[in-house]
Amino acid sequence: MATACTPQGQGNGNAADPSPEASEAGPDYPQGPFQREGVSGSNAPFHSTFRVDEVVSHPDRTVLHFTTIPAQDTLANGSYGGGLTGDLATAPVDLRLIDPVGQRFYEPSTDDGVFNGSVLPDGVANDVEYRMQVHFPPLEQGTERVTVLSGGTQGAFTGIPVTPDEAPWEAGPEPEEPPYYGYIEEGEEITTAVNGGDVPEEGIELYSITETTERVQETSTTEHRIDLDTDVLFAFDESELNEEATEVLAEVADQTREQADPDLPPITIVGHTDGVGEDDYNQTLSEERAQAVLEYLETELGSDYEYAAEGRGSSEPLFAEGGSDDEEARARNRRVEIAYNILRTETETSTTEQETTEQGTGTAVAPPAPFAEHNDEPIATATGTTGQNIDYTLEVFSLRRDGAFVLADVALTNDSGRSISSAFGSRFWASGKQGGNFSGFGVVDPGTGTVYRSLRVGERAGDGEDTYVEPESFPYLRESGETNRIPLYFPAPPLGVDTLDLEAGVFGTLEDLPLE
């Protein structure tokens, strides 16, 4: 079940707040307008104001109604899209939705290659309001607020109210063809044509990835996976658990007992090796190590659970071996994975309470973050140089809880004296870390040392094809001296943690940052 507020002011970005009693208990959500100026686009910088007007939840889809207000007369072709051509080049393909409580991710949909929503005309006029739509899969029932990722320097629009509509989406009257952009007066409103083809049936689960010295954990609302470092569990080329392994596995057993659902078996244990050695030998070693971990867990947890063990040798590496970071990559590939389905509990989700219990898992998370204007003063700054010898200044403006996640509002300024290539210089990854182009970043609980690293979209794809929540089409501004302001998302530490360190790759670690 869920407690839903009732938005009003449809079409203008306004929504009624919860009752006064509820507002006193929870965050103070503003009524709008929800808008910021900024730059988007992968092919050419597109300066505009982006305004969220309304998010409507239909049974068959979610419709984001928004307004684009260009900041200059321009030919828009290529300015919105992520490398698309033709009509789709002016489509807002980089917009995303996040349900920070239900922990799901929503991408714009296409039907037979046609974008579901609106596209800009080839020419757009300064200070004209272009009313547009993007269609996403339907939200989970009872979702009250979402975060809209703008796909540009306008950043993340948190705490946007959801208007429920029990009727399937229907297209309105076909708008008239807009006049040539040079003849449109400032302040005019243009309603763009909308394509409303079929959309996927549901969004994609988000997996929170956290790291400690001996393990990496991935958690969604339904599944938990622990990657254990075999160098901690076993001696070189051995399959007998060492003394340190029993201490680590005892903690894993306690966690599994608390979280695993015995009615949704099995607990799976999968062994992996690095790529050194013969395939047959690696396969046998991985099987023996998985079996050793299974036997330990079975002794600790008993017969209430079902277990399954297998080895996959070196066939499923997480990181490519043979490069300059070969040793680190091989160490990360030597692992034993323990995975199980999370015990589901009947709980109530209410975004108007101080603490929200995510429906089904029984895990307490924060409510969705209210929409907030960008801060002007950073709380921390640092400088660094990428592997491509591009100098940057990093500014951190805030760390805020948004449901089960932490949103970092940061800015990166190009100090290199040259423009940034689309192929180099825009990546801030770290070897052996999951998280795409920004894997070098993570927030650290200074009390436990746990690194809250990244959010993966969906289950593991492998072969470097995994997708993470990170800025789409970054960088938007490429010239020296230009600043890209972007949102970075991380898993959130337990409630009660109010100070974090920011592990920032080439920028070092920024300590003692307040978590709002």
Protein backbone atom coordinates (compact mmCIF):
# COMPACT_ATOMS: atom_id res chain seq x y z
CA MET A 1 0.00 0.00 0.00
CA ALA A 2 1.04 3.61 -0.46
CA THR A 3 -0.10 6.99 0.77
CA ALA A 4 -0.51 9.33 -2.21
CA CYS A 5 -0.82 13.10 -2.27
CA THR A 6 -3.19 14.70 -4.78
CA PRO A 7 -1.41 17.07 -7.17
CA GLN A 8 -3.25 20.05 -8.59
CA GLY A 9 -2.48 22.78 -11.11
CA GLN A 10 -2.12 20.33 -13.98
CA GLY A 11 0.02 21.52 -16.84
CA ASN A 12 1.71 24.39 -15.00
CA GLY A 13 4.19 22.54 -12.78
CA ASN A 14 2.29 23.24 -9.56
CA ALA A 15 1.07 20.60 -7.12
CA ALA A 16 -0.66 20.70 -3.79
CA ASP A 17 1.49 19.75 -0.84
CA PRO A 18 0.37 17.09 1.63
CA SER A 19 -1.85 18.09 4.52
CA PRO A 20 -0.38 20.46 7.16
CA GLU A 21 -0.11 17.57 9.58
CA ALA A 22 1.89 15.55 7.05
CA SER A 23 4.06 18.54 6.10
CA GLU A 24 5.07 18.99 9.74
CA ALA A 25 6.23 15.37 9.82
CA GLY A 26 8.15 15.34 6.56
CA PRO A 27 10.03 17.44 4.01
CA ASP A 28 8.67 20.77 2.84
CA TYR A 29 8.01 20.19 -0.87
CA PRO A 30 7.79 23.40 -2.93
CA GLN A 31 4.94 23.96 -5.36
CA GLY A 32 7.09 25.01 -8.32
CA PRO A 33 7.82 26.17 -10.88
CA PHE A 34 10.47 23.50 -11.33
CA GLN A 35 12.90 25.03 -13.81
CA ARG A 36 16.57 25.85 -14.38
CA GLU A 37 18.68 27.35 -17.14
CA GLY A 38 21.52 25.32 -18.59
CA VAL A 39 23.05 23.51 -21.52
CA SER A 40 22.25 20.12 -23.00
CA GLY A 41 23.18 18.22 -26.12
CA SER A 42 25.91 15.94 -27.35
CA ASN A 43 26.58 17.40 -30.79
CA ALA A 44 26.26 21.14 -30.16
CA PRO A 45 25.61 23.03 -26.92
CA PHE A 46 21.91 23.88 -26.65
CA HIS A 47 21.28 26.73 -24.19
CA SER A 48 17.77 26.72 -22.78
CA THR A 49 15.53 26.77 -19.74
CA PHE A 50 14.15 23.35 -18.89
CA ARG A 51 10.88 23.36 -16.91
CA VAL A 52 9.08 20.31 -15.55
CA ASP A 53 5.35 20.98 -15.84
CA GLU A 54 3.87 17.67 -14.71
CA VAL A 55 4.52 13.95 -14.39
CA VAL A 56 1.34 11.94 -15.08
CA SER A 57 1.08 8.26 -14.18
CA HIS A 58 -1.23 6.39 -16.59
CA PRO A 59 -1.85 2.62 -16.42
CA ASP A 60 0.00 2.10 -19.71
CA ARG A 61 2.78 4.70 -19.43
CA THR A 62 4.25 7.67 -17.59
CA VAL A 63 4.14 11.01 -19.38
CA LEU A 64 6.56 13.79 -18.54
CA HIS A 65 5.12 17.13 -19.61
CA PHE A 66 7.83 19.79 -19.85
CA THR A 67 8.67 23.07 -21.51
CA THR A 68 11.82 23.99 -23.40
CA ILE A 69 12.62 27.71 -23.64
CA PRO A 70 15.61 28.29 -25.95
CA ALA A 71 18.03 30.99 -24.84
CA GLN A 72 19.10 31.86 -28.39
CA ASP A 73 17.88 31.63 -31.95
CA THR A 74 19.41 28.44 -33.23
CA LEU A 75 19.03 25.52 -35.54
CA ALA A 76 18.23 22.80 -33.04
CA ASN A 77 19.12 19.84 -35.24
CA GLY A 78 21.55 17.64 -33.30
CA SER A 79 21.39 19.67 -30.09
CA TYR A 80 19.19 17.37 -27.99
CA GLY A 81 20.01 13.88 -29.15
CA GLY A 82 22.65 11.42 -28.06
CA GLY A 83 24.25 10.82 -31.45
CA LEU A 84 20.94 10.32 -33.27
CA THR A 85 20.22 11.52 -36.79
CA GLY A 86 17.21 12.74 -38.70
CA ASP A 87 14.04 13.68 -36.83
CA LEU A 88 15.23 12.01 -33.64
CA ALA A 89 18.22 14.33 -33.41
CA THR A 90 15.98 17.00 -31.86
CA ALA A 91 14.34 14.56 -29.43
CA PRO A 92 15.12 14.79 -25.67
CA VAL A 93 16.50 11.27 -25.58
CA ASP A 94 18.71 11.93 -22.54
CA LEU A 95 15.88 12.60 -20.08
CA ARG A 96 15.48 9.98 -17.34
CA LEU A 97 13.20 9.32 -14.36
CA ILE A 98 14.26 7.85 -11.01
CA ASP A 99 11.91 6.53 -8.35
CA PRO A 100 14.23 7.03 -5.36
CA VAL A 101 12.00 5.08 -2.94
CA GLY A 102 10.98 2.18 -5.21
CA GLN A 103 14.56 2.23 -6.60
CA ARG A 104 13.64 1.98 -10.26
CA PHE A 105 14.98 3.71 -13.37
CA TYR A 106 12.96 4.83 -16.38
CA GLU A 107 14.30 5.57 -19.85
CA PRO A 108 12.46 7.29 -22.73
CA SER A 109 10.76 4.77 -24.97
CA THR A 110 10.72 4.27 -28.71
CA ASP A 111 8.34 2.26 -30.86
CA ASP A 112 9.92 0.71 -33.96
CA GLY A 113 12.66 3.31 -33.78
CA VAL A 114 10.27 6.26 -33.42
CA PHE A 115 10.67 8.37 -30.28
CA ASN A 116 7.61 8.30 -27.99
CA GLY A 117 7.01 11.94 -27.17
CA SER A 118 7.85 15.24 -28.84
CA VAL A 119 10.67 16.50 -31.01
CA LEU A 120 11.72 20.08 -31.53
CA PRO A 121 11.36 21.63 -34.99
CA ASP A 122 14.57 22.08 -36.95
CA GLY A 123 14.64 25.75 -36.02
CA VAL A 124 13.74 27.15 -32.61
CA ALA A 125 13.27 30.75 -31.52
CA ASN A 126 14.63 32.63 -28.54
CA ASP A 127 12.37 32.91 -25.44
CA VAL A 128 9.57 30.83 -27.00
CA GLU A 129 7.91 28.16 -24.86
CA TYR A 130 7.92 24.78 -26.61
CA ARG A 131 5.49 22.44 -24.83
CA MET A 132 6.77 18.89 -25.08
CA GLN A 133 6.31 15.33 -23.79
CA VAL A 134 8.42 12.22 -23.16
CA HIS A 135 6.83 8.81 -22.57
CA PHE A 136 8.28 6.28 -20.13
CA PRO A 137 7.16 2.88 -18.83
CA PRO A 138 4.41 3.03 -16.19
CA LEU A 139 5.47 3.84 -12.63
CA GLU A 140 4.96 1.38 -9.82
CA GLN A 141 1.52 1.78 -8.29
CA GLY A 142 1.48 4.36 -5.48
CA THR A 143 4.61 6.22 -6.56
CA GLU A 144 4.13 9.77 -5.30
CA ARG A 145 7.29 11.63 -6.31
CA VAL A 146 10.09 11.07 -8.79
CA THR A 147 13.38 12.67 -9.77
CA VAL A 148 13.73 13.97 -13.34
CA LEU A 149 17.28 13.90 -14.73
CA SER A 150 17.49 16.71 -17.27
CA GLY A 151 20.24 15.31 -19.48
CA GLY A 152 22.17 18.57 -19.23
CA THR A 153 23.68 21.07 -16.83
CA GLN A 154 20.20 21.82 -15.45
CA GLY A 155 20.83 18.77 -13.27
CA ALA A 156 18.41 16.65 -11.23
CA PHE A 157 14.89 17.82 -10.45
CA THR A 158 14.05 16.02 -7.22
CA GLY A 159 10.72 15.64 -5.45
CA ILE A 160 8.54 16.16 -8.54
CA PRO A 161 4.94 15.20 -7.66
CA VAL A 162 3.20 12.47 -9.66
CA THR A 163 -0.37 13.03 -10.87
CA PRO A 164 -2.23 9.70 -11.02
CA ASP A 165 -4.61 9.20 -13.96
CA GLU A 166 -6.56 5.93 -14.11
CA ALA A 167 -7.26 6.32 -17.83
CA PRO A 168 -4.81 5.16 -20.50
CA TRP A 169 -2.98 7.93 -22.30
CA GLU A 170 -4.74 9.43 -25.29
CA ALA A 171 -3.31 11.80 -27.85
CA GLY A 172 -4.90 15.22 -27.98
CA PRO A 173 -5.71 17.18 -31.14
CA GLU A 174 -2.89 17.33 -33.66
CA PRO A 175 -1.20 20.74 -33.23
CA GLU A 176 -0.75 23.06 -36.14
CA GLU A 177 2.58 23.13 -37.92
CA PRO A 178 4.62 25.88 -36.20
CA PRO A 179 5.69 28.82 -38.36
CA TYR A 180 9.29 29.35 -39.40
CA TYR A 181 11.25 30.14 -36.25
CA GLY A 182 12.27 33.56 -37.50
CA TYR A 183 8.63 34.67 -37.51
CA ILE A 184 7.76 33.55 -33.97
CA GLU A 185 7.45 36.29 -31.35
CA GLU A 186 9.16 36.05 -27.97
CA GLY A 187 6.87 34.64 -25.29
CA GLU A 188 4.73 32.62 -27.69
CA GLU A 189 3.76 29.04 -26.84
CA ILE A 190 4.26 26.24 -29.34
CA THR A 191 2.69 22.82 -28.72
CA THR A 192 4.76 20.13 -30.40
CA ALA A 193 3.36 17.05 -32.08
CA VAL A 194 3.47 13.85 -30.01
CA ASN A 195 4.09 10.25 -31.01
CA GLY A 196 2.46 7.80 -28.59
CA GLY A 197 3.50 4.32 -29.63
CA ASP A 198 3.85 1.28 -27.39
CA VAL A 199 6.12 1.55 -24.33
CA PRO A 200 7.81 -1.16 -22.20
CA GLU A 201 5.69 -2.59 -19.41
CA GLU A 202 7.94 -1.58 -16.52
CA GLY A 203 11.00 0.32 -15.44
CA ILE A 204 14.38 -1.15 -14.58
CA GLU A 205 15.59 -2.09 -11.11
CA LEU A 206 18.51 -0.13 -9.71
CA TYR A 207 21.34 -2.01 -7.99
CA SER A 208 23.27 -0.20 -5.28
CA ILE A 209 26.97 -1.15 -5.31
CA THR A 210 29.01 -0.77 -2.12
CA GLU A 211 32.58 -1.78 -1.32
CA THR A 212 34.59 -2.79 1.72
CA THR A 213 38.09 -4.21 1.90
CA GLU A 214 37.08 -7.83 1.30
CA ARG A 215 33.73 -7.64 -0.47
CA VAL A 216 31.59 -5.82 -3.02
CA GLN A 217 27.83 -5.89 -2.51
CA GLU A 218 25.00 -5.27 -4.98
CA THR A 219 21.48 -4.70 -3.68
CA SER A 220 18.16 -4.06 -5.40
CA THR A 221 14.70 -4.24 -3.85
CA THR A 222 14.49 -7.94 -4.74
CA GLU A 223 18.03 -9.37 -4.88
CA HIS A 224 21.27 -9.21 -2.92
CA ARG A 225 24.67 -10.30 -4.22
CA ILE A 226 28.00 -10.38 -2.38
CA ASP A 227 31.31 -10.69 -4.23
CA LEU A 228 33.95 -12.05 -1.86
CA ASP A 229 37.64 -11.65 -2.63
CA THR A 230 39.07 -15.16 -2.94
CA ASP A 231 42.49 -13.84 -1.90
CA VAL A 232 40.90 -13.27 1.51
CA LEU A 233 39.16 -16.65 1.64
CA PHE A 234 41.83 -19.00 0.25
CA ALA A 235 45.57 -19.39 -0.08
CA PHE A 236 47.02 -19.24 -3.58
CA ASP A 237 45.69 -22.13 -5.73
CA GLU A 238 43.91 -23.64 -2.70
CA SER A 239 40.22 -24.42 -2.08
CA GLU A 240 40.31 -24.88 1.70
CA LEU A 241 38.96 -21.91 3.67
CA ASN A 242 41.60 -20.13 5.71
CA GLU A 243 41.22 -18.67 9.19
CA GLU A 244 40.38 -15.18 7.94
CA ALA A 245 37.64 -16.63 5.72
CA THR A 246 35.65 -17.96 8.66
CA GLU A 247 35.44 -14.47 10.18
CA VAL A 248 34.26 -12.94 6.90
CA LEU A 249 31.80 -15.73 6.16
CA ALA A 250 30.35 -15.59 9.67
CA GLU A 251 29.32 -11.99 8.96
CA VAL A 252 27.92 -13.03 5.59
CA ALA A 253 25.93 -15.83 7.23
CA ASP A 254 24.41 -13.42 9.76
CA GLN A 255 23.44 -11.02 6.99
CA THR A 256 22.00 -13.82 4.88
CA ARG A 257 19.95 -15.15 7.78
CA GLU A 258 18.41 -11.70 8.24
CA GLN A 259 17.76 -10.91 4.57
CA ALA A 260 17.36 -14.08 2.48
CA ASP A 261 13.89 -15.45 1.73
CA PRO A 262 13.81 -19.23 2.31
CA ASP A 263 10.61 -19.40 0.25
CA LEU A 264 12.40 -18.07 -2.84
CA PRO A 265 15.38 -20.44 -3.14
CA PRO A 266 18.14 -21.05 -3.74
CA ILE A 267 21.10 -19.26 -2.20
CA THR A 268 23.55 -19.51 -5.08
CA ILE A 269 27.33 -19.64 -4.71
CA VAL A 270 29.42 -19.18 -7.86
CA GLY A 271 33.21 -19.39 -8.01
CA HIS A 272 35.35 -17.39 -10.47
CA THR A 273 39.08 -17.29 -11.23
CA ASP A 274 41.25 -14.89 -13.14
CA GLY A 275 42.43 -15.65 -16.66
CA VAL A 276 45.85 -17.04 -15.76
CA GLY A 277 46.27 -20.78 -16.21
CA GLU A 278 44.54 -23.55 -18.14
CA ASP A 279 40.75 -23.41 -18.53
CA ASP A 280 40.18 -26.89 -17.12
CA TYR A 281 42.26 -26.16 -14.03
CA ASN A 282 40.50 -22.84 -13.42
CA GLN A 283 37.11 -24.48 -13.84
CA THR A 284 37.87 -27.14 -11.26
CA LEU A 285 39.35 -24.65 -8.79
CA SER A 286 36.29 -22.38 -9.09
CA GLU A 287 33.94 -25.31 -8.47
CA GLU A 288 35.86 -26.48 -5.39
CA ARG A 289 35.96 -22.99 -3.90
CA ALA A 290 32.22 -22.48 -4.44
CA GLN A 291 31.52 -25.83 -2.78
CA ALA A 292 33.68 -24.92 0.23
CA VAL A 293 31.70 -21.71 0.76
CA LEU A 294 28.41 -23.58 0.33
CA GLU A 295 29.34 -26.10 3.01
CA TYR A 296 30.23 -23.34 5.45
CA LEU A 297 26.96 -21.47 4.88
CA GLU A 298 24.92 -24.66 5.09
CA THR A 299 26.51 -25.45 8.46
CA GLU A 300 25.77 -21.93 9.74
CA LEU A 301 22.28 -21.45 8.29
CA GLY A 302 20.89 -24.97 8.41
CA SER A 303 18.29 -26.76 6.34
CA ASP A 304 15.71 -23.95 6.16
CA TYR A 305 17.44 -22.79 2.99
CA GLU A 306 18.27 -24.43 -0.32
CA TYR A 307 21.75 -24.02 -1.79
CA ALA A 308 23.33 -24.33 -5.23
CA ALA A 309 27.03 -24.07 -6.10
CA GLU A 310 28.83 -23.93 -9.41
CA GLY A 311 32.12 -22.79 -10.88
CA ARG A 312 32.59 -20.72 -14.00
CA GLY A 313 36.38 -20.58 -14.15
CA SER A 314 37.62 -17.46 -15.92
CA SER A 315 34.68 -17.25 -18.34
CA GLU A 316 32.95 -14.25 -16.69
CA PRO A 317 35.53 -11.58 -15.83
CA LEU A 318 34.26 -8.32 -14.38
CA PHE A 319 37.26 -6.39 -15.70
CA ALA A 320 39.43 -6.83 -18.78
CA GLU A 321 42.82 -8.36 -18.04
CA GLY A 322 46.11 -7.71 -19.80
CA GLY A 323 46.21 -3.92 -19.59
CA SER A 324 48.26 -1.55 -17.48
CA ASP A 325 46.08 -2.36 -14.46
CA ASP A 326 46.28 -6.11 -15.05
CA GLU A 327 47.04 -7.14 -11.46
CA GLU A 328 44.13 -5.18 -10.03
CA ALA A 329 41.77 -6.48 -12.71
CA ARG A 330 42.80 -10.09 -12.07
CA ALA A 331 42.38 -9.63 -8.31
CA ARG A 332 38.82 -8.35 -8.79
CA ASN A 333 38.00 -11.24 -11.12
CA ARG A 334 39.06 -13.80 -8.48
CA ARG A 335 35.86 -13.96 -6.47
CA VAL A 336 33.09 -16.06 -5.02
CA GLU A 337 29.58 -14.66 -5.55
CA ILE A 338 26.79 -15.32 -3.08
CA ALA A 339 23.31 -14.29 -4.25
CA TYR A 340 19.80 -14.67 -2.90
CA ASN A 341 16.32 -13.22 -3.12
CA ILE A 342 15.50 -10.70 -0.41
CA LEU A 343 12.84 -11.50 2.14
CA ARG A 344 9.75 -9.46 1.29
CA THR A 345 7.74 -7.88 4.07
CA GLU A 346 4.41 -6.11 4.13
CA THR A 347 5.19 -2.48 4.83
CA GLU A 348 3.66 0.86 3.98
CA THR A 349 5.41 3.41 1.81
CA SER A 350 4.67 7.04 2.62
CA THR A 351 6.77 9.88 1.26
CA THR A 352 5.26 12.29 3.78
CA GLU A 353 6.95 10.70 6.78
CA GLN A 354 10.35 11.61 8.12
CA GLU A 355 11.58 8.13 7.33
CA THR A 356 10.16 6.06 4.48
CA THR A 357 10.09 2.27 4.59
CA GLU A 358 10.65 0.97 1.08
CA GLN A 359 7.73 -1.27 0.22
CA GLY A 360 8.63 -4.92 0.43
CA THR A 361 12.12 -4.89 1.85
CA GLY A 362 11.50 -3.43 5.28
CA THR A 363 14.53 -1.18 4.81
CA ALA A 364 14.18 2.36 6.09
CA VAL A 365 15.17 5.06 3.61
CA ALA A 366 14.76 8.82 3.44
CA PRO A 367 11.83 10.45 1.64
CA PRO A 368 12.36 11.88 -1.84
CA ALA A 369 14.41 15.08 -1.68
CA PRO A 370 12.48 18.33 -2.24
CA PHE A 371 13.27 20.30 -5.38
CA ALA A 372 15.91 22.94 -4.62
CA GLU A 373 17.59 25.71 -6.55
CA HIS A 374 21.28 25.25 -7.24
CA ASN A 375 23.55 26.49 -4.45
CA ASP A 376 25.96 29.26 -5.41
CA GLU A 377 28.70 28.54 -2.85
CA PRO A 378 30.57 25.20 -2.92
CA ILE A 379 31.14 23.26 0.28
CA ALA A 380 34.42 21.83 -1.05
CA THR A 381 36.81 22.31 -3.98
CA ALA A 382 39.75 20.39 -5.42
CA THR A 383 41.89 20.24 -8.55
CA GLY A 384 43.11 17.26 -10.50
CA THR A 385 44.48 16.02 -13.81
CA THR A 386 43.01 13.13 -15.79
CA GLY A 387 44.98 10.39 -17.47
CA GLN A 388 44.66 12.39 -20.70
CA ASN A 389 46.47 15.36 -19.03
CA ILE A 390 43.38 17.53 -18.81
CA ASP A 391 43.29 19.79 -15.76
CA TYR A 392 40.00 20.23 -13.92
CA THR A 393 38.62 22.07 -10.93
CA LEU A 394 35.99 20.15 -8.98
CA GLU A 395 33.40 22.01 -6.91
CA VAL A 396 30.96 20.20 -4.61
CA PHE A 397 27.85 22.18 -3.75
CA SER A 398 25.83 19.69 -1.70
CA LEU A 399 25.24 16.07 -0.74
CA ARG A 400 21.54 15.30 -0.23
CA ARG A 401 19.56 12.15 0.50
CA ASP A 402 17.03 11.36 -2.21
CA GLY A 403 15.16 8.29 -1.03
CA ALA A 404 17.56 5.35 -0.97
CA PHE A 405 20.28 7.35 -2.70
CA VAL A 406 22.71 10.24 -2.24
CA LEU A 407 22.67 13.03 -4.81
CA ALA A 408 25.91 14.99 -5.19
CA ASP A 409 25.60 18.35 -6.93
CA VAL A 410 29.02 18.99 -8.46
CA ALA A 411 30.68 21.13 -11.13
CA LEU A 412 33.71 20.35 -13.30
CA THR A 413 35.62 23.23 -14.90
CA ASN A 414 38.03 22.62 -17.77
CA ASP A 415 41.31 24.34 -16.82
CA SER A 416 43.44 22.70 -19.50
CA GLY A 417 43.67 25.55 -22.00
CA ARG A 418 42.20 23.34 -24.73
CA SER A 419 38.86 21.85 -25.69
CA ILE A 420 37.82 18.42 -24.46
CA SER A 421 37.73 15.66 -27.04
CA SER A 422 34.55 13.61 -27.12
CA ALA A 423 36.73 10.49 -26.92
CA PHE A 424 39.10 11.55 -24.12
CA GLY A 425 39.15 13.67 -21.04
CA SER A 426 35.53 13.32 -19.98
CA ARG A 427 36.02 10.12 -18.03
CA PHE A 428 36.78 9.82 -14.34
CA TRP A 429 36.92 6.07 -13.94
CA ALA A 430 39.07 4.01 -11.58
CA SER A 431 40.55 0.61 -12.33
CA GLY A 432 38.73 -2.28 -10.69
CA LYS A 433 35.70 -0.18 -9.71
CA GLN A 434 32.18 -0.57 -11.01
CA GLY A 435 30.51 2.63 -12.10
CA GLY A 436 31.11 3.61 -15.72
CA ASN A 437 32.78 6.90 -16.58
CA PHE A 438 32.55 8.17 -12.99
CA SER A 439 33.63 5.01 -11.16
CA GLY A 440 36.44 6.99 -9.52
CA PHE A 441 33.81 8.73 -7.41
CA GLY A 442 32.06 7.34 -4.34
CA VAL A 443 30.86 8.50 -0.95
CA VAL A 444 32.45 6.99 2.14
CA ASP A 445 30.97 6.47 5.59
CA PRO A 446 33.93 7.57 7.74
CA GLY A 447 32.65 5.47 10.65
CA THR A 448 32.76 2.13 8.82
CA GLY A 449 34.94 2.81 5.79
CA THR A 450 32.24 1.48 3.48
CA VAL A 451 32.34 3.07 0.02
CA TYR A 452 28.95 3.67 -1.58
CA ARG A 453 30.15 3.46 -5.14
CA SER A 454 27.53 3.50 -7.89
CA LEU A 455 24.04 2.65 -9.12
CA ARG A 456 23.82 0.05 -11.88
CA VAL A 457 20.78 0.05 -14.15
CA GLY A 458 19.48 -3.52 -14.26
CA GLU A 459 21.23 -6.84 -13.81
CA ARG A 460 24.83 -7.39 -14.83
CA ALA A 461 25.34 -7.37 -18.56
CA GLY A 462 29.05 -8.24 -18.45
CA ASP A 463 31.77 -7.52 -21.04
CA GLY A 464 31.85 -3.87 -20.05
CA GLU A 465 28.28 -3.31 -21.24
CA ASP A 466 26.77 -2.46 -17.86
CA THR A 467 24.88 0.83 -17.60
CA TYR A 468 25.09 3.13 -14.58
CA VAL A 469 23.27 6.23 -13.40
CA GLU A 470 25.56 9.00 -14.56
CA PRO A 471 25.33 12.17 -16.68
CA GLU A 472 24.22 11.39 -20.23
CA SER A 473 26.24 12.88 -23.11
CA PHE A 474 28.74 14.54 -20.73
CA PRO A 475 30.54 16.90 -21.29
CA TYR A 476 28.01 19.39 -22.65
CA LEU A 477 30.47 22.32 -22.71
CA ARG A 478 33.94 21.40 -24.01
CA GLU A 479 36.00 24.58 -24.27
CA SER A 480 38.69 25.64 -21.81
CA GLY A 481 37.29 27.69 -18.94
CA GLU A 482 33.78 26.28 -19.31
CA THR A 483 31.98 24.62 -16.39
CA ASN A 484 29.68 21.62 -16.52
CA ARG A 485 27.38 21.33 -13.52
CA ILE A 486 26.16 17.77 -13.13
CA PRO A 487 24.41 15.42 -10.68
CA LEU A 488 26.15 12.27 -9.43
CA TYR A 489 24.13 9.51 -7.75
CA PHE A 490 25.37 7.01 -5.14
CA PRO A 491 23.77 4.47 -2.79
CA ALA A 492 22.91 6.01 0.58
CA PRO A 493 24.42 4.94 3.93
CA PRO A 494 22.08 4.01 6.79
CA LEU A 495 19.86 6.70 8.23
CA GLY A 496 21.65 8.53 11.01
CA VAL A 497 24.88 9.00 9.04
CA ASP A 498 25.10 12.77 8.52
CA THR A 499 28.71 13.25 7.40
CA LEU A 500 30.43 11.66 4.41
CA ASP A 501 33.80 11.76 2.70
CA LEU A 502 33.74 12.09 -1.08
CA GLU A 503 36.20 9.79 -2.82
CA ALA A 504 36.81 11.72 -6.03
CA GLY A 505 39.42 9.86 -8.08
CA VAL A 506 42.06 12.24 -9.48
CA PHE A 507 40.81 14.94 -7.09
CA GLY A 508 41.63 12.90 -3.99
CA THR A 509 39.27 12.52 -1.03
CA LEU A 510 37.22 15.45 0.27
CA GLU A 511 36.51 14.84 3.95
CA ASP A 512 33.73 15.65 6.42
CA LEU A 513 31.07 16.87 4.00
CA PRO A 514 27.59 17.36 5.47
CA LEU A 515 24.86 15.02 4.24
CA GLU A 516 21.52 16.79 4.13
